[in-house]
């Protein structure tokens, strides 16, 4: 999905299937910009616009975070951006699963510290 504003700024959003994670971001944007005042109509709009079966954001944890963000917006709480400096990335390959076969998963650990120039 591509979101455009009148000022010429664009945001491209995508995930594997283009429904769940993409939907979380787009529905949150619709709430943030006041296009929708409550979560359910925003979720319904996205589901109708994005899918044939009207099922956009269906994963419970993703829907939960949309409701968390919607609650913040409705209560007028503002997000305060904080600059963080990424200091280290560590990749740890998990060698075996419980069944004893090789694992396809890697654990990614990110380490951050407060940003420079007085920002935290």
C-alpha atoms as a PDB file:
ATOM      1  CA  UNK A   1       0.000   0.000   0.000  1.00  0.00           C
ATOM      2  CA  UNK A   2       1.206   3.490  -0.719  1.00  0.00           C
ATOM      3  CA  UNK A   3      -0.030   6.427   1.320  1.00  0.00           C
ATOM      4  CA  UNK A   4       0.293   9.892  -0.197  1.00  0.00           C
ATOM      5  CA  UNK A   5      -0.201  13.274   1.387  1.00  0.00           C
ATOM      6  CA  UNK A   6      -0.782  16.639  -0.228  1.00  0.00           C
ATOM      7  CA  UNK A   7       2.713  17.771   0.770  1.00  0.00           C
ATOM      8  CA  UNK A   8       4.276  15.187  -1.541  1.00  0.00           C
ATOM      9  CA  UNK A   9       5.518  12.773   1.115  1.00  0.00           C
ATOM     10  CA  UNK A  10       4.900   9.085   0.519  1.00  0.00           C
ATOM     11  CA  UNK A  11       5.012   5.981   2.660  1.00  0.00           C
ATOM     12  CA  UNK A  12       5.177   2.496   1.190  1.00  0.00           C
ATOM     13  CA  UNK A  13       3.958  -0.290   3.473  1.00  0.00           C
ATOM     14  CA  UNK A  14       4.024  -4.006   2.807  1.00  0.00           C
ATOM     15  CA  UNK A  15       4.346  -7.389   4.458  1.00  0.00           C
ATOM     16  CA  UNK A  16       4.242 -10.977   3.223  1.00  0.00           C
ATOM     17  CA  UNK A  17       0.550 -11.178   2.338  1.00  0.00           C
ATOM     18  CA  UNK A  18      -0.233  -7.469   2.573  1.00  0.00           C
ATOM     19  CA  UNK A  19      -3.009  -7.887   5.135  1.00  0.00           C
ATOM     20  CA  UNK A  20      -1.946  -8.247   8.768  1.00  0.00           C
ATOM     21  CA  UNK A  21       1.128  -6.144   9.458  1.00  0.00           C
ATOM     22  CA  UNK A  22       0.275  -3.803   6.614  1.00  0.00           C
ATOM     23  CA  UNK A  23      -3.245  -3.491   7.997  1.00  0.00           C
ATOM     24  CA  UNK A  24      -1.991  -2.682  11.489  1.00  0.00           C
ATOM     25  CA  UNK A  25      -0.013   0.246  10.105  1.00  0.00           C
ATOM     26  CA  UNK A  26      -2.709   1.520   7.751  1.00  0.00           C
ATOM     27  CA  UNK A  27      -5.537   1.277  10.300  1.00  0.00           C
ATOM     28  CA  UNK A  28      -3.322   2.989  12.886  1.00  0.00           C
ATOM     29  CA  UNK A  29      -2.605   5.744  10.352  1.00  0.00           C
ATOM     30  CA  UNK A  30      -6.334   6.178   9.669  1.00  0.00           C
ATOM     31  CA  UNK A  31      -6.891   6.602  13.408  1.00  0.00           C
ATOM     32  CA  UNK A  32      -3.870   8.860  13.879  1.00  0.00           C
ATOM     33  CA  UNK A  33      -4.999  11.223  11.123  1.00  0.00           C
ATOM     34  CA  UNK A  34      -8.576  11.312  12.456  1.00  0.00           C
ATOM     35  CA  UNK A  35     -10.007   9.760   9.307  1.00  0.00           C
ATOM     36  CA  UNK A  36     -11.766   7.332  11.652  1.00  0.00           C
ATOM     37  CA  UNK A  37     -12.535   8.141  15.275  1.00  0.00           C
ATOM     38  CA  UNK A  38     -12.838   4.554  16.526  1.00  0.00           C
ATOM     39  CA  UNK A  39     -11.077   1.287  15.758  1.00  0.00           C
ATOM     40  CA  UNK A  40     -13.887  -0.970  14.542  1.00  0.00           C
ATOM     41  CA  UNK A  41     -14.986   1.173  11.575  1.00  0.00           C
ATOM     42  CA  UNK A  42     -11.336   1.649  10.557  1.00  0.00           C
ATOM     43  CA  UNK A  43     -10.720  -2.108  10.687  1.00  0.00           C
ATOM     44  CA  UNK A  44     -13.914  -2.728   8.719  1.00  0.00           C
ATOM     45  CA  UNK A  45     -12.943  -0.173   6.063  1.00  0.00           C
ATOM     46  CA  UNK A  46      -9.514  -1.742   5.639  1.00  0.00           C
ATOM     47  CA  UNK A  47     -10.964  -5.257   5.450  1.00  0.00           C
ATOM     48  CA  UNK A  48     -13.464  -4.216   2.788  1.00  0.00           C
ATOM     49  CA  UNK A  49     -10.910  -2.237   0.783  1.00  0.00           C
ATOM     50  CA  UNK A  50      -8.105  -4.797   0.929  1.00  0.00           C
ATOM     51  CA  UNK A  51      -9.723  -8.226   0.793  1.00  0.00           C
ATOM     52  CA  UNK A  52     -12.526 -10.068  -0.984  1.00  0.00           C
ATOM     53  CA  UNK A  53     -13.722 -11.777   2.205  1.00  0.00           C
ATOM     54  CA  UNK A  54     -13.651  -8.549   4.259  1.00  0.00           C
ATOM     55  CA  UNK A  55     -10.998 -10.008   6.574  1.00  0.00           C
ATOM     56  CA  UNK A  56      -8.122  -7.573   6.816  1.00  0.00           C
ATOM     57  CA  UNK A  57      -6.385  -7.654  10.182  1.00  0.00           C
ATOM     58  CA  UNK A  58      -7.349 -11.046  11.636  1.00  0.00           C
ATOM     59  CA  UNK A  59      -4.474 -12.098  13.928  1.00  0.00           C
ATOM     60  CA  UNK A  60      -5.576 -11.435  17.546  1.00  0.00           C
ATOM     61  CA  UNK A  61      -2.276  -9.877  18.646  1.00  0.00           C
ATOM     62  CA  UNK A  62      -2.300  -7.513  15.651  1.00  0.00           C
ATOM     63  CA  UNK A  63      -5.898  -6.488  16.291  1.00  0.00           C
ATOM     64  CA  UNK A  64      -5.048  -5.980  19.967  1.00  0.00           C
ATOM     65  CA  UNK A  65      -2.272  -3.525  19.126  1.00  0.00           C
ATOM     66  CA  UNK A  66      -4.573  -1.589  16.802  1.00  0.00           C
ATOM     67  CA  UNK A  67      -6.980  -1.261  19.743  1.00  0.00           C
ATOM     68  CA  UNK A  68      -4.094  -0.186  22.030  1.00  0.00           C
ATOM     69  CA  UNK A  69      -3.106   2.519  19.570  1.00  0.00           C
ATOM     70  CA  UNK A  70      -6.713   3.551  19.018  1.00  0.00           C
ATOM     71  CA  UNK A  71      -7.113   3.965  22.771  1.00  0.00           C
ATOM     72  CA  UNK A  72      -4.044   6.228  22.888  1.00  0.00           C
ATOM     73  CA  UNK A  73      -5.394   8.361  20.062  1.00  0.00           C
ATOM     74  CA  UNK A  74      -8.883   8.600  21.574  1.00  0.00           C
ATOM     75  CA  UNK A  75      -7.464   9.674  24.949  1.00  0.00           C
ATOM     76  CA  UNK A  76      -5.348  12.343  23.280  1.00  0.00           C
ATOM     77  CA  UNK A  77      -2.032  10.877  24.335  1.00  0.00           C
ATOM     78  CA  UNK A  78       0.843  11.970  22.139  1.00  0.00           C
ATOM     79  CA  UNK A  79       3.778   9.868  21.046  1.00  0.00           C
ATOM     80  CA  UNK A  80       7.135  11.389  21.890  1.00  0.00           C
ATOM     81  CA  UNK A  81       9.781  10.344  19.386  1.00  0.00           C
ATOM     82  CA  UNK A  82      13.077   9.245  20.894  1.00  0.00           C
ATOM     83  CA  UNK A  83      16.284   8.870  18.955  1.00  0.00           C
ATOM     84  CA  UNK A  84      18.191   5.679  19.720  1.00  0.00           C
ATOM     85  CA  UNK A  85      21.584   4.652  18.432  1.00  0.00           C
ATOM     86  CA  UNK A  86      21.872   1.050  17.266  1.00  0.00           C
ATOM     87  CA  UNK A  87      25.158  -0.088  18.773  1.00  0.00           C
ATOM     88  CA  UNK A  88      25.224  -3.808  18.057  1.00  0.00           C
ATOM     89  CA  UNK A  89      23.349  -6.551  16.235  1.00  0.00           C
ATOM     90  CA  UNK A  90      23.993 -10.140  17.246  1.00  0.00           C
ATOM     91  CA  UNK A  91      22.715 -13.083  15.205  1.00  0.00           C
ATOM     92  CA  UNK A  92      22.483 -16.402  16.998  1.00  0.00           C
ATOM     93  CA  UNK A  93      21.669 -19.479  14.934  1.00  0.00           C
ATOM     94  CA  UNK A  94      19.593 -22.003  16.832  1.00  0.00           C
ATOM     95  CA  UNK A  95      21.148 -25.358  15.918  1.00  0.00           C
ATOM     96  CA  UNK A  96      18.413 -27.858  16.811  1.00  0.00           C
ATOM     97  CA  UNK A  97      14.687 -27.979  17.367  1.00  0.00           C
ATOM     98  CA  UNK A  98      13.064 -30.142  20.024  1.00  0.00           C
ATOM     99  CA  UNK A  99      12.698 -32.930  17.475  1.00  0.00           C
ATOM    100  CA  UNK A 100      16.453 -32.912  16.888  1.00  0.00           C
ATOM    101  CA  UNK A 101      16.384 -31.561  13.327  1.00  0.00           C
ATOM    102  CA  UNK A 102      18.283 -28.475  12.246  1.00  0.00           C
ATOM    103  CA  UNK A 103      16.507 -25.244  13.016  1.00  0.00           C
ATOM    104  CA  UNK A 104      15.695 -22.691  10.321  1.00  0.00           C
ATOM    105  CA  UNK A 105      15.435 -19.888  12.836  1.00  0.00           C
ATOM    106  CA  UNK A 106      17.931 -17.254  13.895  1.00  0.00           C
ATOM    107  CA  UNK A 107      17.592 -15.093  16.993  1.00  0.00           C
ATOM    108  CA  UNK A 108      18.340 -11.439  16.324  1.00  0.00           C
ATOM    109  CA  UNK A 109      19.353  -9.343  19.314  1.00  0.00           C
ATOM    110  CA  UNK A 110      19.609  -5.565  18.902  1.00  0.00           C
ATOM    111  CA  UNK A 111      21.348  -3.319  21.402  1.00  0.00           C
ATOM    112  CA  UNK A 112      20.562   0.396  21.574  1.00  0.00           C
ATOM    113  CA  UNK A 113      21.745   3.385  23.567  1.00  0.00           C
ATOM    114  CA  UNK A 114      20.419   6.952  23.834  1.00  0.00           C
ATOM    115  CA  UNK A 115      20.917   8.962  20.650  1.00  0.00           C
ATOM    116  CA  UNK A 116      23.431  11.730  20.157  1.00  0.00           C
ATOM    117  CA  UNK A 117      22.906  15.495  20.150  1.00  0.00           C
ATOM    118  CA  UNK A 118      21.070  15.491  23.453  1.00  0.00           C
ATOM    119  CA  UNK A 119      18.159  13.403  22.197  1.00  0.00           C
ATOM    120  CA  UNK A 120      17.187  10.355  24.199  1.00  0.00           C
END
